[in-house]
Amino acid sequence: MSLLQVPGQFLSLFYTDRLGLYPHVDLTSRKQLNGGIPQRGNLKASMNKARADINYYIPSKTSRGLAVIDWEEWRPLWNRNWGTKRIYQTLSVAHLMQTNRSLTLQQATDKAKQQFQVAAKSFMSGMLAMGRAMRPNYLWGFYLFPNCYNYGWEKPYYTGRCSKEVRRQNDELLWLWESSTALYPSVYLQVSLANNPRAALMVRNRVQEALRVSALARQSGTAPVFAYMRPVFVDQNKRFLSQGDLVSTIGESAAVGVSGAVLEGASADYDDQTSCAALSSYLFTTLNPYITNVTIATQLCSNFLCRGNGRCVRKNYNSNNYLHLNPENFRILHVQKRYLVLGRPTLSDLKALSRRFTCQCYKGLSCSPRTYRELAKALIFSVKQGLYQRFHTLNKAMLDDTHQASITKDNVKKNLKV
C-alpha cells in the first residue's frame, strides 16, 4: 500500500477511482466507464459512493488538511475539450441524436454542449458540496483549476499573461470557484524552461489568475491558493530543478501571495536506489534549505510589515522582488536532522520589504502595512524580547531525515506552508 492509500493523510488525493462514480472514457480501450460522459452518469449513485469514500480516506471529522480532487479526463467547459478530450464532444452529440434524430448536426451540437456543461457542473459542484459538508476543516478543490493555458514561452515577446478569452472562460466557471474552499493550479516546469526567466512569467501569471478568480467568488476574503509543483522537470524526470528554477516556482508563488505549495512526485521518478539517493542529496543540499529560506522570510515579512495579521504580496505583481532572507544577516543550518535559521533582520531589510511588498489581510483582521517608524519600533521591541536572535525552526514545512525517507516512496505529495 502506498502512502497515499493510507487513510487520514493531511493531503487527501481523490483520483478517478477514489471518489464517487466518475463518468469517463478509457482512451486506451475506448471503454466508457460509469456512463462515459457526465450526461449518462448516475449522480445519485456517485454521491452515495463518494460519501463512503470520504469516510474512508478522511475518517476524522475534526482534523484539518487539503482535499484535492484529481479528475483530468474532461473539462467542464465544452470548448476546452480539445485534442484527445474531443471524444467527449463526439459522444455527447451521438448520445443526443440517438434520442432525437430530427435535429440537425448544429442543433444537436448546441444542445449537447448545454447538456454536457450542466451535467459536468452537477458532478463537480456536488462532490465539493459533499466534501465541505462532511469534512468542513479540509480545503476542497480540483487539481489544475484554474488554468491559464499560457504556453508558447518559446515565442518572441512572451509575457506569460492569460489571454482575455481564457479569463472570460474562467469567469464562466464562477460556480466552481464559489464551491471550492481552495484552488490548486499547476506550475510544473518543462525542461525548456530550465534556468529560463520565462519560467517566472509563466508561474506568476498562472498563480495570479488563481488569485483573481478566488477573489471573484467572495466579497470578503479569498479561497487560499496552493500551487502544485514538481522537484523535477515533467519531460525529464531525472533532472532536478536548480536553485534558479526553485526561485521561479516556489519563490515566485510565495511573492505573489499563495498560501502554500504541494510538491508532487511519482514512483517512476524514483524507481531505483540511484534515483532515491539523488533525491535525498537534492533535498539536503538544495530544496529543503530554499524552502526554509522562503518560509522564514515570508513569516518575517508577515510579522513585521503586516503585524502578523496578513501575508506579504508584491506591490507590482510583475516585478522580480522575492521574499528571501538577507544572506548577510541570516544563516541556515542543518542541526540534528532539522533545518534552523539564525539571525535577525536589520531596519534596512525591513524598509526594503516595505518598498517592495504590501499586505493582504487574513479574513476578518486588519493588517495595514507598518510605516518606517513603526517598523523601527517593532524591530527594537523584538530585539528587547530576544526575538530573531535565537534559532528558528519550521513546523509543517520542516522536512527532517525521516520525512525525507518517506518522500522516496510511491507518489510523493508534501504540503509546504510558505
Foldseek 3Di string as FASTA:
>chain_A
DAPQVAAADQEHEAECPQAFFDWAADLVVRDTGQQHALLRHDQVRRNVSRLVSCCRRNVDQADAHAYEYEDDREDLQLVPQDDSSCVNLVVLLVVQCVVPVVDDSVRSSVVSRVSRNVSVLCNQLVSLVSCCVRRVRYFYAYAQPPFQPQDPPVDPPRQLARDPVSLVVSVVVLVRLLSGLEAERELAAAPVCAVNPVSLRNQLNGLVSRQVSQCVNDPFDGRAYAYEYEQAHPVDLLHGHALSSCCSHVFLNQQAPHQWYKYKDFLVSQVDPVSLVVLLVCCVPPVLVVLVFQQVLQQVLCCQFQVVFFTKYFPDSSDSDTSGDDVVFKDWDQDPQWIKIAGDDDLVVNVVSVVTIFTDGDTPDHGGTDDSVSSVVVRVVCVVVVHRHDIDGDDQQMQGVVNSVSQSTGMHIGIHGD
